Amino acid sequence: MGVRAVGPRREQKGTPMYEMRKGPATTGTSGFVWHVITKEDGCSTLCGRRVASADLAQADPSGTAAEGHCVPCMDAFSQVLGGTDL
């Protein structure tokens, strides 16, 4: 599918994968959701948020679980994949 969970950024042989990071929700909830990180700079999400660090402790020191996936990120990711319905 081309998405991997949070971990060290490293280039794989072949097609680079998208990284996901937990961050504040953008719509409908005040909790945390999984965002898809852009390949270009590794500091922005596909929904347009900026992320400071891959370090989850800095992003959410409370350790709160993510409540789901960011819908705008997933919509944008679907478009990147050529309109595949996720």
PDB file of N, CA and C in Angstrom:
ATOM      1  N   MET A   1       0.821  -1.193   0.000  1.00  0.00           N
ATOM      2  CA  MET A   1       0.000   0.000   0.000  1.00  0.00           C
ATOM      3  C   MET A   1       0.861   1.250   0.000  1.00  0.00           C
ATOM      4  N   GLY A   2       2.095   1.192   0.488  1.00  0.00           N
ATOM      5  CA  GLY A   2       2.956   2.355   0.451  1.00  0.00           C
ATOM      6  C   GLY A   2       2.894   3.247   1.679  1.00  0.00           C
ATOM      7  N   VAL A   3       2.388   2.756   2.807  1.00  0.00           N
ATOM      8  CA  VAL A   3       2.331   3.537   4.045  1.00  0.00           C
ATOM      9  C   VAL A   3       3.013   2.724   5.120  1.00  0.00           C
ATOM     10  N   ARG A   4       3.797   3.402   5.960  1.00  0.00           N
ATOM     11  CA  ARG A   4       4.401   2.701   7.091  1.00  0.00           C
ATOM     12  C   ARG A   4       4.164   3.499   8.353  1.00  0.00           C
ATOM     13  N   ALA A   5       4.197   2.821   9.458  1.00  0.00           N
ATOM     14  CA  ALA A   5       4.011   3.493  10.740  1.00  0.00           C
ATOM     15  C   ALA A   5       5.255   4.294  11.078  1.00  0.00           C
ATOM     16  N   VAL A   6       5.169   5.067  12.138  1.00  0.00           N
ATOM     17  CA  VAL A   6       6.263   5.927  12.567  1.00  0.00           C
ATOM     18  C   VAL A   6       7.511   5.101  12.843  1.00  0.00           C
ATOM     19  N   GLY A   7       8.617   5.633  12.445  1.00  0.00           N
ATOM     20  CA  GLY A   7       9.911   5.001  12.686  1.00  0.00           C
ATOM     21  C   GLY A   7      10.981   5.880  12.079  1.00  0.00           C
ATOM     22  N   PRO A   8      12.212   5.458  12.164  1.00  0.00           N
ATOM     23  CA  PRO A   8      13.271   6.270  11.584  1.00  0.00           C
ATOM     24  C   PRO A   8      13.069   6.410  10.086  1.00  0.00           C
ATOM     25  N   ARG A   9      13.300   7.611   9.587  1.00  0.00           N
ATOM     26  CA  ARG A   9      13.208   7.836   8.146  1.00  0.00           C
ATOM     27  C   ARG A   9      14.447   7.267   7.496  1.00  0.00           C
ATOM     28  N   ARG A  10      14.249   6.343   6.598  1.00  0.00           N
ATOM     29  CA  ARG A  10      15.366   5.831   5.826  1.00  0.00           C
ATOM     30  C   ARG A  10      14.844   5.446   4.461  1.00  0.00           C
ATOM     31  N   GLU A  11      15.661   5.652   3.484  1.00  0.00           N
ATOM     32  CA  GLU A  11      15.254   5.340   2.125  1.00  0.00           C
ATOM     33  C   GLU A  11      15.361   3.843   1.896  1.00  0.00           C
ATOM     34  N   GLN A  12      14.338   3.286   1.330  1.00  0.00           N
ATOM     35  CA  GLN A  12      14.300   1.885   0.969  1.00  0.00           C
ATOM     36  C   GLN A  12      14.688   1.763  -0.498  1.00  0.00           C
ATOM     37  N   LYS A  13      15.188   0.625  -0.891  1.00  0.00           N
ATOM     38  CA  LYS A  13      15.412   0.385  -2.308  1.00  0.00           C
ATOM     39  C   LYS A  13      14.050   0.283  -2.970  1.00  0.00           C
ATOM     40  N   GLY A  14      13.929   0.833  -4.163  1.00  0.00           N
ATOM     41  CA  GLY A  14      12.646   0.806  -4.853  1.00  0.00           C
ATOM     42  C   GLY A  14      11.829   2.035  -4.524  1.00  0.00           C
ATOM     43  N   THR A  15      10.532   1.872  -4.426  1.00  0.00           N
ATOM     44  CA  THR A  15       9.618   2.980  -4.198  1.00  0.00           C
ATOM     45  C   THR A  15       9.667   3.448  -2.751  1.00  0.00           C
ATOM     46  N   PRO A  16       9.953   4.745  -2.520  1.00  0.00           N
ATOM     47  CA  PRO A  16       9.926   5.257  -1.140  1.00  0.00           C
ATOM     48  C   PRO A  16       8.510   5.154  -0.566  1.00  0.00           C
ATOM     49  N   MET A  17       8.414   4.955   0.722  1.00  0.00           N
ATOM     50  CA  MET A  17       7.125   4.802   1.378  1.00  0.00           C
ATOM     51  C   MET A  17       6.742   6.089   2.094  1.00  0.00           C
ATOM     52  N   TYR A  18       5.451   6.272   2.278  1.00  0.00           N
ATOM     53  CA  TYR A  18       4.962   7.395   3.081  1.00  0.00           C
ATOM     54  C   TYR A  18       5.039   7.014   4.546  1.00  0.00           C
ATOM     55  N   GLU A  19       5.326   7.982   5.369  1.00  0.00           N
ATOM     56  CA  GLU A  19       5.406   7.798   6.815  1.00  0.00           C
ATOM     57  C   GLU A  19       4.130   8.345   7.441  1.00  0.00           C
ATOM     58  N   MET A  20       3.710   7.749   8.543  1.00  0.00           N
ATOM     59  CA  MET A  20       2.558   8.255   9.286  1.00  0.00           C
ATOM     60  C   MET A  20       3.020   8.651  10.679  1.00  0.00           C
ATOM     61  N   ARG A  21       2.483   9.780  11.157  1.00  0.00           N
ATOM     62  CA  ARG A  21       2.782  10.241  12.513  1.00  0.00           C
ATOM     63  C   ARG A  21       1.495  10.661  13.205  1.00  0.00           C
ATOM     64  N   LYS A  22       1.474  10.435  14.501  1.00  0.00           N
ATOM     65  CA  LYS A  22       0.328  10.851  15.302  1.00  0.00           C
ATOM     66  C   LYS A  22       0.417  12.344  15.546  1.00  0.00           C
ATOM     67  N   GLY A  23      -0.713  13.032  15.401  1.00  0.00           N
ATOM     68  CA  GLY A  23      -0.751  14.458  15.663  1.00  0.00           C
ATOM     69  C   GLY A  23      -2.168  14.897  15.952  1.00  0.00           C
ATOM     70  N   PRO A  24      -2.361  16.162  16.297  1.00  0.00           N
ATOM     71  CA  PRO A  24      -3.698  16.674  16.602  1.00  0.00           C
ATOM     72  C   PRO A  24      -4.652  16.497  15.423  1.00  0.00           C
ATOM     73  N   ALA A  25      -5.886  16.166  15.731  1.00  0.00           N
ATOM     74  CA  ALA A  25      -6.910  16.005  14.696  1.00  0.00           C
ATOM     75  C   ALA A  25      -7.172  17.341  14.014  1.00  0.00           C
ATOM     76  N   THR A  26      -7.528  17.288  12.744  1.00  0.00           N
ATOM     77  CA  THR A  26      -7.802  18.511  11.986  1.00  0.00           C
ATOM     78  C   THR A  26      -9.295  18.802  11.891  1.00  0.00           C
ATOM     79  N   THR A  27     -10.125  17.773  12.000  1.00  0.00           N
ATOM     80  CA  THR A  27     -11.572  17.978  11.865  1.00  0.00           C
ATOM     81  C   THR A  27     -12.346  17.086  12.826  1.00  0.00           C
ATOM     82  N   GLY A  28     -13.406  17.600  13.390  1.00  0.00           N
ATOM     83  CA  GLY A  28     -14.390  16.814  14.108  1.00  0.00           C
ATOM     84  C   GLY A  28     -14.041  16.263  15.478  1.00  0.00           C
ATOM     85  N   THR A  29     -12.816  16.355  15.918  1.00  0.00           N
ATOM     86  CA  THR A  29     -12.461  15.809  17.218  1.00  0.00           C
ATOM     87  C   THR A  29     -11.282  16.597  17.797  1.00  0.00           C
ATOM     88  N   SER A  30     -11.103  16.501  19.082  1.00  0.00           N
ATOM     89  CA  SER A  30      -9.991  17.215  19.708  1.00  0.00           C
ATOM     90  C   SER A  30      -8.842  16.278  20.061  1.00  0.00           C
ATOM     91  N   GLY A  31      -8.960  15.010  19.703  1.00  0.00           N
ATOM     92  CA  GLY A  31      -7.924  14.033  20.041  1.00  0.00           C
ATOM     93  C   GLY A  31      -6.800  13.984  19.017  1.00  0.00           C
ATOM     94  N   PHE A  32      -6.119  12.850  19.002  1.00  0.00           N
ATOM     95  CA  PHE A  32      -5.014  12.625  18.084  1.00  0.00           C
ATOM     96  C   PHE A  32      -5.416  11.622  17.015  1.00  0.00           C
ATOM     97  N   VAL A  33      -4.883  11.826  15.813  1.00  0.00           N
ATOM     98  CA  VAL A  33      -5.118  10.921  14.687  1.00  0.00           C
ATOM     99  C   VAL A  33      -3.786  10.675  13.974  1.00  0.00           C
ATOM    100  N   TRP A  34      -3.770   9.683  13.091  1.00  0.00           N
ATOM    101  CA  TRP A  34      -2.592   9.415  12.269  1.00  0.00           C
ATOM    102  C   TRP A  34      -2.639  10.299  11.030  1.00  0.00           C
ATOM    103  N   HIS A  35      -1.538  11.036  10.794  1.00  0.00           N
ATOM    104  CA  HIS A  35      -1.384  11.881   9.613  1.00  0.00           C
ATOM    105  C   HIS A  35      -0.374  11.244   8.668  1.00  0.00           C
ATOM    106  N   VAL A  36      -0.552  11.457   7.366  1.00  0.00           N
ATOM    107  CA  VAL A  36       0.408  11.000   6.363  1.00  0.00           C
ATOM    108  C   VAL A  36       1.401  12.145   6.126  1.00  0.00           C
ATOM    109  N   ILE A  37       2.687  11.840   6.215  1.00  0.00           N
ATOM    110  CA  ILE A  37       3.747  12.840   6.067  1.00  0.00           C
ATOM    111  C   ILE A  37       4.174  12.920   4.601  1.00  0.00           C
ATOM    112  N   THR A  38       4.402  14.148   4.121  1.00  0.00           N
ATOM    113  CA  THR A  38       4.845  14.325   2.739  1.00  0.00           C
ATOM    114  C   THR A  38       6.253  13.765   2.568  1.00  0.00           C
ATOM    115  N   LYS A  39       6.547  13.301   1.360  1.00  0.00           N
ATOM    116  CA  LYS A  39       7.881  12.795   1.062  1.00  0.00           C
ATOM    117  C   LYS A  39       8.865  13.937   0.831  1.00  0.00           C
ATOM    118  N   GLU A  40       8.360  15.086   0.397  1.00  0.00           N
ATOM    119  CA  GLU A  40       9.230  16.191  -0.001  1.00  0.00           C
ATOM    120  C   GLU A  40      10.107  16.715   1.123  1.00  0.00           C
ATOM    121  N   ASP A  41       9.505  17.008   2.271  1.00  0.00           N
ATOM    122  CA  ASP A  41      10.305  17.601   3.340  1.00  0.00           C
ATOM    123  C   ASP A  41      10.231  16.838   4.656  1.00  0.00           C
ATOM    124  N   GLY A  42       9.300  15.917   4.795  1.00  0.00           N
ATOM    125  CA  GLY A  42       9.177  15.159   6.030  1.00  0.00           C
ATOM    126  C   GLY A  42       8.703  15.965   7.222  1.00  0.00           C
ATOM    127  N   CYS A  43       8.290  17.210   6.980  1.00  0.00           N
ATOM    128  CA  CYS A  43       7.853  18.087   8.066  1.00  0.00           C
ATOM    129  C   CYS A  43       6.428  18.584   7.874  1.00  0.00           C
ATOM    130  N   SER A  44       5.754  18.113   6.843  1.00  0.00           N
ATOM    131  CA  SER A  44       4.382  18.527   6.566  1.00  0.00           C
ATOM    132  C   SER A  44       3.518  17.294   6.355  1.00  0.00           C
ATOM    133  N   THR A  45       2.232  17.449   6.670  1.00  0.00           N
ATOM    134  CA  THR A  45       1.290  16.366   6.421  1.00  0.00           C
ATOM    135  C   THR A  45       0.581  16.620   5.091  1.00  0.00           C
ATOM    136  N   LEU A  46      -0.026  15.593   4.550  1.00  0.00           N
ATOM    137  CA  LEU A  46      -0.769  15.762   3.301  1.00  0.00           C
ATOM    138  C   LEU A  46      -1.983  16.662   3.469  1.00  0.00           C
ATOM    139  N   CYS A  47      -2.448  16.857   4.720  1.00  0.00           N
ATOM    140  CA  CYS A  47      -3.576  17.765   4.960  1.00  0.00           C
ATOM    141  C   CYS A  47      -3.116  19.202   5.176  1.00  0.00           C
ATOM    142  N   GLY A  48      -1.793  19.439   5.152  1.00  0.00           N
ATOM    143  CA  GLY A  48      -1.279  20.794   5.241  1.00  0.00           C
ATOM    144  C   GLY A  48      -0.742  21.229   6.591  1.00  0.00           C
ATOM    145  N   ARG A  49      -0.767  20.360   7.584  1.00  0.00           N
ATOM    146  CA  ARG A  49      -0.200  20.714   8.896  1.00  0.00           C
ATOM    147  C   ARG A  49       1.316  20.599   8.855  1.00  0.00           C
ATOM    148  N   ARG A  50       1.979  21.362   9.705  1.00  0.00           N
ATOM    149  CA  ARG A  50       3.426  21.240   9.889  1.00  0.00           C
ATOM    150  C   ARG A  50       3.664  20.364  11.111  1.00  0.00           C
ATOM    151  N   VAL A  51       4.640  19.492  11.034  1.00  0.00           N
ATOM    152  CA  VAL A  51       5.015  18.669  12.173  1.00  0.00           C
ATOM    153  C   VAL A  51       6.459  18.973  12.521  1.00  0.00           C
ATOM    154  N   ALA A  52       6.742  19.079  13.800  1.00  0.00           N
ATOM    155  CA  ALA A  52       8.058  19.510  14.247  1.00  0.00           C
ATOM    156  C   ALA A  52       9.068  18.376  14.304  1.00  0.00           C
ATOM    157  N   SER A  53       8.610  17.183  14.626  1.00  0.00           N
ATOM    158  CA  SER A  53       9.566  16.123  14.905  1.00  0.00           C
ATOM    159  C   SER A  53       8.929  14.759  14.729  1.00  0.00           C
ATOM    160  N   ALA A  54       9.747  13.770  14.428  1.00  0.00           N
ATOM    161  CA  ALA A  54       9.269  12.389  14.369  1.00  0.00           C
ATOM    162  C   ALA A  54       9.202  11.790  15.773  1.00  0.00           C
ATOM    163  N   ASP A  55       9.666  12.525  16.750  1.00  0.00           N
ATOM    164  CA  ASP A  55       9.678  12.058  18.132  1.00  0.00           C
ATOM    165  C   ASP A  55       8.273  12.164  18.720  1.00  0.00           C
ATOM    166  N   LEU A  56       7.626  11.030  18.917  1.00  0.00           N
ATOM    167  CA  LEU A  56       6.245  11.034  19.421  1.00  0.00           C
ATOM    168  C   LEU A  56       6.124  11.661  20.801  1.00  0.00           C
ATOM    169  N   ALA A  57       7.153  11.568  21.616  1.00  0.00           N
ATOM    170  CA  ALA A  57       7.094  12.159  22.950  1.00  0.00           C
ATOM    171  C   ALA A  57       6.949  13.672  22.848  1.00  0.00           C
ATOM    172  N   GLN A  58       7.566  14.282  21.838  1.00  0.00           N
ATOM    173  CA  GLN A  58       7.417  15.719  21.666  1.00  0.00           C
ATOM    174  C   GLN A  58       6.052  16.061  21.099  1.00  0.00           C
ATOM    175  N   ALA A  59       5.538  15.223  20.203  1.00  0.00           N
ATOM    176  CA  ALA A  59       4.244  15.489  19.579  1.00  0.00           C
ATOM    177  C   ALA A  59       3.104  15.300  20.577  1.00  0.00           C
ATOM    178  N   ASP A  60       3.226  14.337  21.467  1.00  0.00           N
ATOM    179  CA  ASP A  60       2.178  14.036  22.432  1.00  0.00           C
ATOM    180  C   ASP A  60       2.787  13.433  23.694  1.00  0.00           C
ATOM    181  N   PRO A  61       3.230  14.255  24.633  1.00  0.00           N
ATOM    182  CA  PRO A  61       3.871  13.733  25.834  1.00  0.00           C
ATOM    183  C   PRO A  61       2.951  12.901  26.722  1.00  0.00           C
ATOM    184  N   SER A  62       1.633  12.988  26.543  1.00  0.00           N
ATOM    185  CA  SER A  62       0.705  12.232  27.378  1.00  0.00           C
ATOM    186  C   SER A  62       0.633  10.759  26.985  1.00  0.00           C
ATOM    187  N   GLY A  63       1.093  10.425  25.776  1.00  0.00           N
ATOM    188  CA  GLY A  63       1.021   9.043  25.311  1.00  0.00           C
ATOM    189  C   GLY A  63      -0.378   8.627  24.888  1.00  0.00           C
ATOM    190  N   THR A  64      -1.274   9.586  24.659  1.00  0.00           N
ATOM    191  CA  THR A  64      -2.645   9.299  24.253  1.00  0.00           C
ATOM    192  C   THR A  64      -2.670   8.549  22.923  1.00  0.00           C
ATOM    193  N   ALA A  65      -3.505   7.529  22.845  1.00  0.00           N
ATOM    194  CA  ALA A  65      -3.623   6.746  21.616  1.00  0.00           C
ATOM    195  C   ALA A  65      -4.306   7.557  20.522  1.00  0.00           C
ATOM    196  N   ALA A  66      -3.926   7.298  19.280  1.00  0.00           N
ATOM    197  CA  ALA A  66      -4.582   7.933  18.138  1.00  0.00           C
ATOM    198  C   ALA A  66      -5.990   7.362  17.999  1.00  0.00           C
ATOM    199  N   GLU A  67      -6.939   8.224  17.642  1.00  0.00           N
ATOM    200  CA  GLU A  67      -8.344   7.821  17.539  1.00  0.00           C
ATOM    201  C   GLU A  67      -8.722   7.332  16.153  1.00  0.00           C
ATOM    202  N   GLY A  68      -7.818   7.394  15.210  1.00  0.00           N
ATOM    203  CA  GLY A  68      -8.107   6.972  13.843  1.00  0.00           C
ATOM    204  C   GLY A  68      -7.134   7.644  12.895  1.00  0.00           C
ATOM    205  N   HIS A  69      -7.562   7.822  11.667  1.00  0.00           N
ATOM    206  CA  HIS A  69      -6.726   8.447  10.647  1.00  0.00           C
ATOM    207  C   HIS A  69      -7.304   9.802  10.267  1.00  0.00           C
ATOM    208  N   CYS A  70      -6.435  10.729   9.899  1.00  0.00           N
ATOM    209  CA  CYS A  70      -6.853  12.048   9.440  1.00  0.00           C
ATOM    210  C   CYS A  70      -7.546  11.891   8.083  1.00  0.00           C
ATOM    211  N   VAL A  71      -8.818  12.237   8.016  1.00  0.00           N
ATOM    212  CA  VAL A  71      -9.585  12.070   6.776  1.00  0.00           C
ATOM    213  C   VAL A  71      -9.013  12.898   5.631  1.00  0.00           C
ATOM    214  N   PRO A  72      -8.663  14.194   5.839  1.00  0.00           N
ATOM    215  CA  PRO A  72      -8.066  14.943   4.730  1.00  0.00           C
ATOM    216  C   PRO A  72      -6.739  14.336   4.244  1.00  0.00           C
ATOM    217  N   CYS A  73      -5.919  13.815   5.164  1.00  0.00           N
ATOM    218  CA  CYS A  73      -4.673  13.150   4.753  1.00  0.00           C
ATOM    219  C   CYS A  73      -4.979  11.905   3.920  1.00  0.00           C
ATOM    220  N   MET A  74      -5.940  11.115   4.369  1.00  0.00           N
ATOM    221  CA  MET A  74      -6.270   9.882   3.655  1.00  0.00           C
ATOM    222  C   MET A  74      -6.883  10.178   2.292  1.00  0.00           C
ATOM    223  N   ASP A  75      -7.690  11.241   2.195  1.00  0.00           N
ATOM    224  CA  ASP A  75      -8.240  11.646   0.900  1.00  0.00           C
ATOM    225  C   ASP A  75      -7.122  12.052  -0.054  1.00  0.00           C
ATOM    226  N   ALA A  76      -6.168  12.828   0.451  1.00  0.00           N
ATOM    227  CA  ALA A  76      -5.041  13.264  -0.374  1.00  0.00           C
ATOM    228  C   ALA A  76      -4.170  12.059  -0.769  1.00  0.00           C
ATOM    229  N   PHE A  77      -3.981  11.141   0.152  1.00  0.00           N
ATOM    230  CA  PHE A  77      -3.189   9.940  -0.133  1.00  0.00           C
ATOM    231  C   PHE A  77      -3.866   9.105  -1.218  1.00  0.00           C
ATOM    232  N   SER A  78      -5.176   9.007  -1.155  1.00  0.00           N
ATOM    233  CA  SER A  78      -5.937   8.292  -2.180  1.00  0.00           C
ATOM    234  C   SER A  78      -5.709   8.911  -3.552  1.00  0.00           C
ATOM    235  N   GLN A  79      -5.674  10.238  -3.617  1.00  0.00           N
ATOM    236  CA  GLN A  79      -5.421  10.923  -4.887  1.00  0.00           C
ATOM    237  C   GLN A  79      -4.006  10.644  -5.376  1.00  0.00           C
ATOM    238  N   VAL A  80      -3.041  10.597  -4.450  1.00  0.00           N
ATOM    239  CA  VAL A  80      -1.654  10.277  -4.811  1.00  0.00           C
ATOM    240  C   VAL A  80      -1.583   8.895  -5.438  1.00  0.00           C
ATOM    241  N   LEU A  81      -2.376   7.970  -4.912  1.00  0.00           N
ATOM    242  CA  LEU A  81      -2.384   6.616  -5.435  1.00  0.00           C
ATOM    243  C   LEU A  81      -3.198   6.461  -6.708  1.00  0.00           C
ATOM    244  N   GLY A  82      -3.733   7.558  -7.203  1.00  0.00           N
ATOM    245  CA  GLY A  82      -4.480   7.500  -8.444  1.00  0.00           C
ATOM    246  C   GLY A  82      -5.966   7.283  -8.268  1.00  0.00           C
ATOM    247  N   GLY A  83      -6.485   7.782  -7.165  1.00  0.00           N
ATOM    248  CA  GLY A  83      -7.919   7.698  -6.952  1.00  0.00           C
ATOM    249  C   GLY A  83      -8.398   6.393  -6.368  1.00  0.00           C
ATOM    250  N   THR A  84      -7.480   5.554  -5.896  1.00  0.00           N
ATOM    251  CA  THR A  84      -7.866   4.302  -5.269  1.00  0.00           C
ATOM    252  C   THR A  84      -8.699   4.602  -4.033  1.00  0.00           C
ATOM    253  N   ASP A  85      -9.833   3.948  -3.900  1.00  0.00           N
ATOM    254  CA  ASP A  85     -10.686   4.158  -2.733  1.00  0.00           C
ATOM    255  C   ASP A  85     -10.096   3.445  -1.538  1.00  0.00           C
ATOM    256  N   LEU A  86      -9.751   4.206  -0.484  1.00  0.00           N
ATOM    257  CA  LEU A  86      -9.168   3.598   0.717  1.00  0.00           C
ATOM    258  C   LEU A  86     -10.276   3.186   1.603  1.00  0.00           C
TER     259      LEU A  86
END
